[in-house]
């Protein structure tokens, strides 16, 4: 079974976050679902002749919710700015060579495999 639900809140109202204080005051939030499952008798698969049998069950489930304050707008654009085209170099950096005398030596040496056969 799957369902989707939404909760509409007024923008002027602020929810109280989950709190537990030393004085014993505690605020918690739970989502409580109650489902009523009723048994009915349907002769010859005719939905117009459904008769309740009187047998029913109430299924109750509780899920703990964590309520927090609304998140801000993220990182300030003054502190973290995306790169601009002038900051990007015209080509990718070189990968260097295996020659130690080369100024761009990266230490990448290709060696043969000498282990057991694969």
N, C-alpha and C. Protein backbone atom coordinates (compact mmCIF):
# COMPACT_ATOMS: atom_id res chain seq x y z
N UNK A 1 0.85 -1.16 0.00
CA UNK A 1 0.00 0.00 0.00
C UNK A 1 0.90 1.23 0.00
N UNK A 2 0.53 2.20 -0.78
CA UNK A 2 1.32 3.42 -0.87
C UNK A 2 0.38 4.60 -0.99
N UNK A 3 0.71 5.68 -0.32
CA UNK A 3 -0.10 6.88 -0.44
C UNK A 3 0.79 8.09 -0.25
N UNK A 4 0.27 9.22 -0.67
CA UNK A 4 1.00 10.47 -0.55
C UNK A 4 0.10 11.48 0.13
N UNK A 5 0.66 12.24 1.05
CA UNK A 5 -0.13 13.23 1.78
C UNK A 5 0.66 14.52 1.87
N UNK A 6 -0.06 15.61 1.99
CA UNK A 6 0.59 16.90 2.19
C UNK A 6 -0.11 17.62 3.33
N UNK A 7 0.64 18.45 4.01
CA UNK A 7 0.11 19.21 5.13
C UNK A 7 0.22 20.68 4.80
N UNK A 8 -0.89 21.37 4.85
CA UNK A 8 -0.89 22.81 4.58
C UNK A 8 -0.77 23.55 5.90
N UNK A 9 0.20 24.42 5.98
CA UNK A 9 0.37 25.23 7.19
C UNK A 9 0.30 26.70 6.81
N UNK A 10 -0.16 27.49 7.74
CA UNK A 10 -0.21 28.93 7.51
C UNK A 10 1.19 29.51 7.69
N UNK A 11 1.56 30.43 6.82
CA UNK A 11 2.92 30.96 6.86
C UNK A 11 3.20 31.75 8.13
N UNK A 12 2.18 32.31 8.76
CA UNK A 12 2.38 33.07 9.98
C UNK A 12 2.59 32.19 11.20
N UNK A 13 2.19 30.93 11.13
CA UNK A 13 2.33 30.02 12.27
C UNK A 13 3.68 29.33 12.20
N UNK A 14 4.31 29.20 13.35
CA UNK A 14 5.60 28.54 13.41
C UNK A 14 5.47 27.28 14.25
N UNK A 15 5.96 26.18 13.73
CA UNK A 15 5.90 24.92 14.46
C UNK A 15 6.96 24.90 15.56
N UNK A 16 6.66 24.24 16.65
CA UNK A 16 7.63 24.08 17.72
C UNK A 16 8.49 22.86 17.40
N UNK A 17 9.78 23.04 17.46
CA UNK A 17 10.70 21.94 17.17
C UNK A 17 10.65 20.91 18.30
N UNK A 18 11.16 19.72 18.03
CA UNK A 18 11.28 18.71 19.08
C UNK A 18 12.24 19.23 20.14
N UNK A 19 11.76 19.28 21.40
CA UNK A 19 12.54 19.88 22.49
C UNK A 19 12.47 18.97 23.70
N UNK A 20 13.57 18.89 24.44
CA UNK A 20 13.58 18.19 25.72
C UNK A 20 14.44 19.02 26.66
N UNK A 21 13.84 19.54 27.72
CA UNK A 21 14.58 20.43 28.62
C UNK A 21 14.88 19.73 29.95
N UNK A 22 15.76 20.34 30.71
CA UNK A 22 16.14 19.79 32.01
C UNK A 22 14.99 19.89 33.02
N UNK A 23 14.04 20.79 32.81
CA UNK A 23 12.92 20.96 33.73
C UNK A 23 11.83 19.92 33.51
N UNK A 24 11.98 19.09 32.48
CA UNK A 24 10.99 18.05 32.23
C UNK A 24 10.01 18.37 31.12
N UNK A 25 10.09 19.56 30.56
CA UNK A 25 9.20 19.90 29.44
C UNK A 25 9.72 19.21 28.19
N UNK A 26 8.80 18.57 27.49
CA UNK A 26 9.20 17.79 26.32
C UNK A 26 8.18 17.99 25.21
N UNK A 27 8.67 18.23 24.00
CA UNK A 27 7.80 18.37 22.83
C UNK A 27 8.24 17.35 21.81
N UNK A 28 7.33 16.47 21.40
CA UNK A 28 7.60 15.46 20.38
C UNK A 28 6.44 15.46 19.39
N UNK A 29 6.70 14.98 18.20
CA UNK A 29 5.68 14.92 17.17
C UNK A 29 5.56 13.49 16.66
N UNK A 30 4.33 13.01 16.52
CA UNK A 30 4.05 11.68 15.99
C UNK A 30 3.00 11.78 14.91
N UNK A 31 3.18 10.99 13.87
CA UNK A 31 2.14 10.84 12.85
C UNK A 31 1.38 9.57 13.22
N UNK A 32 0.08 9.70 13.49
CA UNK A 32 -0.74 8.57 13.91
C UNK A 32 -1.69 8.23 12.77
N UNK A 33 -1.62 6.99 12.30
CA UNK A 33 -2.52 6.50 11.25
C UNK A 33 -3.43 5.45 11.86
N UNK A 34 -4.72 5.59 11.60
CA UNK A 34 -5.69 4.59 12.02
C UNK A 34 -6.44 4.11 10.79
N UNK A 35 -6.39 2.81 10.57
CA UNK A 35 -7.10 2.20 9.45
C UNK A 35 -8.16 1.27 10.00
N UNK A 36 -9.35 1.35 9.45
CA UNK A 36 -10.43 0.46 9.85
C UNK A 36 -10.65 -0.53 8.72
N UNK A 37 -10.43 -1.80 9.01
CA UNK A 37 -10.62 -2.86 8.02
C UNK A 37 -11.90 -3.59 8.40
N UNK A 38 -12.89 -3.53 7.53
CA UNK A 38 -14.19 -4.16 7.80
C UNK A 38 -14.41 -5.31 6.82
N UNK A 39 -14.96 -6.40 7.33
CA UNK A 39 -15.25 -7.56 6.49
C UNK A 39 -16.69 -7.46 5.98
N UNK A 40 -16.87 -7.74 4.70
CA UNK A 40 -18.20 -7.72 4.09
C UNK A 40 -18.38 -8.98 3.26
N UNK A 41 -19.64 -9.40 3.14
CA UNK A 41 -19.98 -10.58 2.35
C UNK A 41 -20.59 -10.14 1.03
N UNK A 42 -20.08 -10.71 -0.06
CA UNK A 42 -20.56 -10.34 -1.40
C UNK A 42 -20.93 -11.62 -2.14
N UNK A 43 -22.22 -11.96 -2.24
CA UNK A 43 -22.61 -13.21 -2.92
C UNK A 43 -22.44 -13.10 -4.44
N UNK A 44 -21.88 -14.14 -5.03
CA UNK A 44 -21.73 -14.25 -6.48
C UNK A 44 -21.00 -13.05 -7.10
N UNK A 45 -20.12 -12.45 -6.36
CA UNK A 45 -19.31 -11.33 -6.85
C UNK A 45 -20.16 -10.19 -7.41
N UNK A 46 -21.29 -9.96 -6.75
CA UNK A 46 -22.19 -8.88 -7.17
C UNK A 46 -22.01 -7.72 -6.18
N UNK A 47 -21.34 -6.63 -6.60
CA UNK A 47 -21.06 -5.56 -5.64
C UNK A 47 -22.30 -4.81 -5.15
N UNK A 48 -23.44 -4.99 -5.78
CA UNK A 48 -24.65 -4.28 -5.32
C UNK A 48 -25.32 -5.00 -4.15
N UNK A 49 -24.92 -6.24 -3.85
CA UNK A 49 -25.53 -7.01 -2.76
C UNK A 49 -24.56 -7.22 -1.59
N UNK A 50 -23.72 -6.26 -1.32
CA UNK A 50 -22.73 -6.38 -0.25
C UNK A 50 -23.43 -6.27 1.10
N UNK A 51 -23.08 -7.20 2.02
CA UNK A 51 -23.65 -7.20 3.36
C UNK A 51 -22.52 -7.17 4.39
N UNK A 52 -22.49 -6.20 5.30
CA UNK A 52 -21.45 -6.18 6.33
C UNK A 52 -21.62 -7.37 7.27
N UNK A 53 -20.51 -8.00 7.66
CA UNK A 53 -20.56 -9.14 8.57
C UNK A 53 -20.45 -8.71 10.03
N UNK A 54 -19.99 -7.51 10.26
CA UNK A 54 -19.82 -7.03 11.63
C UNK A 54 -18.42 -7.22 12.16
N UNK A 55 -17.59 -7.98 11.43
CA UNK A 55 -16.21 -8.17 11.86
C UNK A 55 -15.36 -7.01 11.33
N UNK A 56 -14.67 -6.37 12.23
CA UNK A 56 -13.82 -5.24 11.83
C UNK A 56 -12.61 -5.17 12.75
N UNK A 57 -11.56 -4.61 12.24
CA UNK A 57 -10.34 -4.42 13.02
C UNK A 57 -9.88 -2.98 12.84
N UNK A 58 -9.31 -2.43 13.88
CA UNK A 58 -8.71 -1.09 13.81
C UNK A 58 -7.20 -1.28 13.87
N UNK A 59 -6.52 -0.81 12.85
CA UNK A 59 -5.07 -0.88 12.81
C UNK A 59 -4.53 0.51 13.11
N UNK A 60 -3.73 0.61 14.15
CA UNK A 60 -3.19 1.91 14.55
C UNK A 60 -1.66 1.84 14.48
N UNK A 61 -1.08 2.82 13.80
CA UNK A 61 0.37 2.89 13.66
C UNK A 61 0.83 4.28 14.06
N UNK A 62 1.99 4.35 14.68
CA UNK A 62 2.58 5.64 15.06
C UNK A 62 3.99 5.72 14.50
N UNK A 63 4.29 6.86 13.93
CA UNK A 63 5.61 7.11 13.37
C UNK A 63 6.15 8.40 13.98
N UNK A 64 7.32 8.32 14.56
CA UNK A 64 7.94 9.51 15.14
C UNK A 64 8.42 10.45 14.05
N UNK A 65 8.09 11.72 14.16
CA UNK A 65 8.52 12.73 13.20
C UNK A 65 9.50 13.68 13.87
N UNK A 66 10.47 14.12 13.13
CA UNK A 66 11.40 15.13 13.63
C UNK A 66 11.04 16.44 12.98
N UNK A 67 10.62 17.41 13.77
CA UNK A 67 10.24 18.72 13.26
C UNK A 67 11.38 19.68 13.56
N UNK A 68 11.87 20.31 12.52
CA UNK A 68 12.96 21.28 12.67
C UNK A 68 12.54 22.59 12.05
N UNK A 69 13.36 23.59 12.24
CA UNK A 69 13.07 24.88 11.64
C UNK A 69 13.31 24.82 10.14
N UNK A 70 12.64 25.70 9.43
CA UNK A 70 12.79 25.75 7.98
C UNK A 70 14.22 26.12 7.63
N UNK A 71 14.77 25.44 6.63
CA UNK A 71 16.14 25.72 6.21
C UNK A 71 16.23 27.09 5.57
N UNK A 72 17.41 27.66 5.65
CA UNK A 72 17.62 28.97 5.03
C UNK A 72 17.80 28.84 3.53
N UNK A 73 18.32 29.87 2.94
CA UNK A 73 18.51 29.88 1.49
C UNK A 73 19.84 29.24 1.08
N UNK A 74 20.54 28.59 1.98
CA UNK A 74 21.79 27.94 1.62
C UNK A 74 22.97 28.88 1.79
N UNK A 75 23.99 28.65 1.00
CA UNK A 75 25.23 29.43 1.09
C UNK A 75 25.00 30.81 0.50
N UNK A 76 25.51 31.80 1.17
CA UNK A 76 25.39 33.17 0.68
C UNK A 76 26.20 33.32 -0.60
N UNK A 77 25.64 34.00 -1.58
CA UNK A 77 26.35 34.22 -2.85
C UNK A 77 27.57 35.09 -2.65
N UNK A 78 27.61 35.88 -1.59
CA UNK A 78 28.80 36.70 -1.32
C UNK A 78 29.97 35.83 -0.89
N UNK A 79 29.68 34.73 -0.19
CA UNK A 79 30.74 33.85 0.30
C UNK A 79 31.17 32.83 -0.74
N UNK A 80 30.26 32.36 -1.54
CA UNK A 80 30.55 31.29 -2.50
C UNK A 80 29.96 31.68 -3.85
N UNK A 81 30.81 32.09 -4.75
CA UNK A 81 30.34 32.49 -6.08
C UNK A 81 30.74 31.44 -7.10
N UNK A 82 29.90 31.15 -8.07
CA UNK A 82 30.27 30.19 -9.11
C UNK A 82 31.38 30.77 -9.98
N UNK A 83 32.16 29.91 -10.65
CA UNK A 83 33.23 30.42 -11.50
C UNK A 83 32.66 31.16 -12.71
N UNK A 84 33.43 32.14 -13.18
CA UNK A 84 33.04 32.88 -14.38
C UNK A 84 33.94 32.43 -15.52
N UNK A 85 33.54 32.71 -16.75
CA UNK A 85 34.27 32.23 -17.92
C UNK A 85 35.71 32.74 -17.96
N UNK A 86 35.97 33.92 -17.43
CA UNK A 86 37.32 34.46 -17.46
C UNK A 86 38.27 33.67 -16.56
N UNK A 87 37.73 32.95 -15.56
CA UNK A 87 38.56 32.18 -14.63
C UNK A 87 38.94 30.81 -15.17
N UNK A 88 38.31 30.35 -16.25
CA UNK A 88 38.54 29.01 -16.78
C UNK A 88 39.69 29.08 -17.78
N UNK A 89 40.74 28.24 -17.65
CA UNK A 89 41.84 28.26 -18.61
C UNK A 89 41.38 27.76 -19.98
N UNK A 90 42.11 28.10 -21.06
CA UNK A 90 41.69 27.72 -22.40
C UNK A 90 41.79 26.24 -22.69
N UNK A 91 42.61 25.48 -21.96
CA UNK A 91 42.74 24.04 -22.22
C UNK A 91 42.95 23.32 -20.90
N UNK A 92 42.74 22.00 -20.89
CA UNK A 92 42.96 21.26 -19.64
C UNK A 92 44.44 21.22 -19.30
N UNK A 93 44.78 21.01 -18.05
CA UNK A 93 46.19 20.96 -17.65
C UNK A 93 46.87 19.73 -18.23
N UNK A 94 48.19 19.80 -18.39
CA UNK A 94 48.94 18.66 -18.90
C UNK A 94 49.03 17.56 -17.86
N UNK A 95 49.20 16.32 -18.33
CA UNK A 95 49.28 15.18 -17.43
C UNK A 95 50.71 14.85 -17.04
N UNK A 96 51.70 15.53 -17.61
CA UNK A 96 53.09 15.26 -17.28
C UNK A 96 53.62 14.06 -18.04
N UNK A 97 54.88 13.76 -17.85
CA UNK A 97 55.50 12.62 -18.50
C UNK A 97 56.24 11.81 -17.46
N UNK A 98 56.77 10.65 -17.89
CA UNK A 98 57.51 9.80 -16.96
C UNK A 98 58.98 10.18 -16.89
N UNK A 99 59.39 11.21 -17.62
CA UNK A 99 60.78 11.67 -17.61
C UNK A 99 60.99 12.61 -16.43
N UNK A 100 61.88 12.22 -15.51
CA UNK A 100 62.11 13.02 -14.32
C UNK A 100 62.76 14.36 -14.65
N UNK A 101 63.41 14.44 -15.79
CA UNK A 101 64.06 15.69 -16.18
C UNK A 101 63.06 16.69 -16.75
N UNK A 102 61.86 16.19 -17.06
CA UNK A 102 60.82 17.07 -17.61
C UNK A 102 60.24 17.90 -16.46
N UNK A 103 59.99 19.16 -16.70
CA UNK A 103 59.47 20.03 -15.66
C UNK A 103 58.06 19.67 -15.23
N UNK A 104 57.28 19.00 -16.09
CA UNK A 104 55.90 18.64 -15.77
C UNK A 104 55.80 17.18 -15.36
N UNK A 105 56.91 16.63 -14.81
CA UNK A 105 56.90 15.21 -14.46
C UNK A 105 55.83 14.92 -13.42
N UNK A 106 55.02 13.91 -13.74
CA UNK A 106 53.94 13.56 -12.83
C UNK A 106 54.20 12.27 -12.10
N UNK A 107 55.29 11.56 -12.43
CA UNK A 107 55.59 10.31 -11.76
C UNK A 107 54.75 9.15 -12.24
N UNK A 108 54.08 9.28 -13.38
CA UNK A 108 53.24 8.20 -13.91
C UNK A 108 54.10 7.29 -14.77
N UNK A 109 54.44 6.12 -14.26
CA UNK A 109 55.27 5.17 -14.99
C UNK A 109 54.43 3.93 -15.26
N UNK A 110 54.37 3.48 -16.52
CA UNK A 110 53.62 2.28 -16.89
C UNK A 110 54.55 1.09 -16.74
N UNK A 111 54.20 0.13 -15.90
CA UNK A 111 55.02 -1.05 -15.68
C UNK A 111 54.30 -2.27 -16.20
N UNK A 112 55.08 -3.30 -16.61
CA UNK A 112 54.51 -4.56 -17.07
C UNK A 112 54.01 -5.36 -15.88
N UNK A 113 53.02 -6.21 -16.13
CA UNK A 113 52.46 -7.08 -15.09
C UNK A 113 53.29 -8.34 -15.00
N UNK A 114 53.80 -8.70 -13.81
CA UNK A 114 54.65 -9.87 -13.62
C UNK A 114 54.02 -10.88 -12.67
N UNK A 115 52.75 -10.79 -12.40
CA UNK A 115 52.08 -11.70 -11.49
C UNK A 115 51.61 -12.97 -12.18
N UNK A 116 50.80 -13.80 -11.49
CA UNK A 116 50.28 -15.03 -12.10
C UNK A 116 49.33 -14.70 -13.24
N UNK A 117 49.15 -15.69 -14.13
CA UNK A 117 48.27 -15.47 -15.29
C UNK A 117 46.84 -15.23 -14.81
N UNK A 118 46.19 -14.34 -15.51
CA UNK A 118 44.81 -13.99 -15.15
C UNK A 118 43.83 -14.94 -15.75
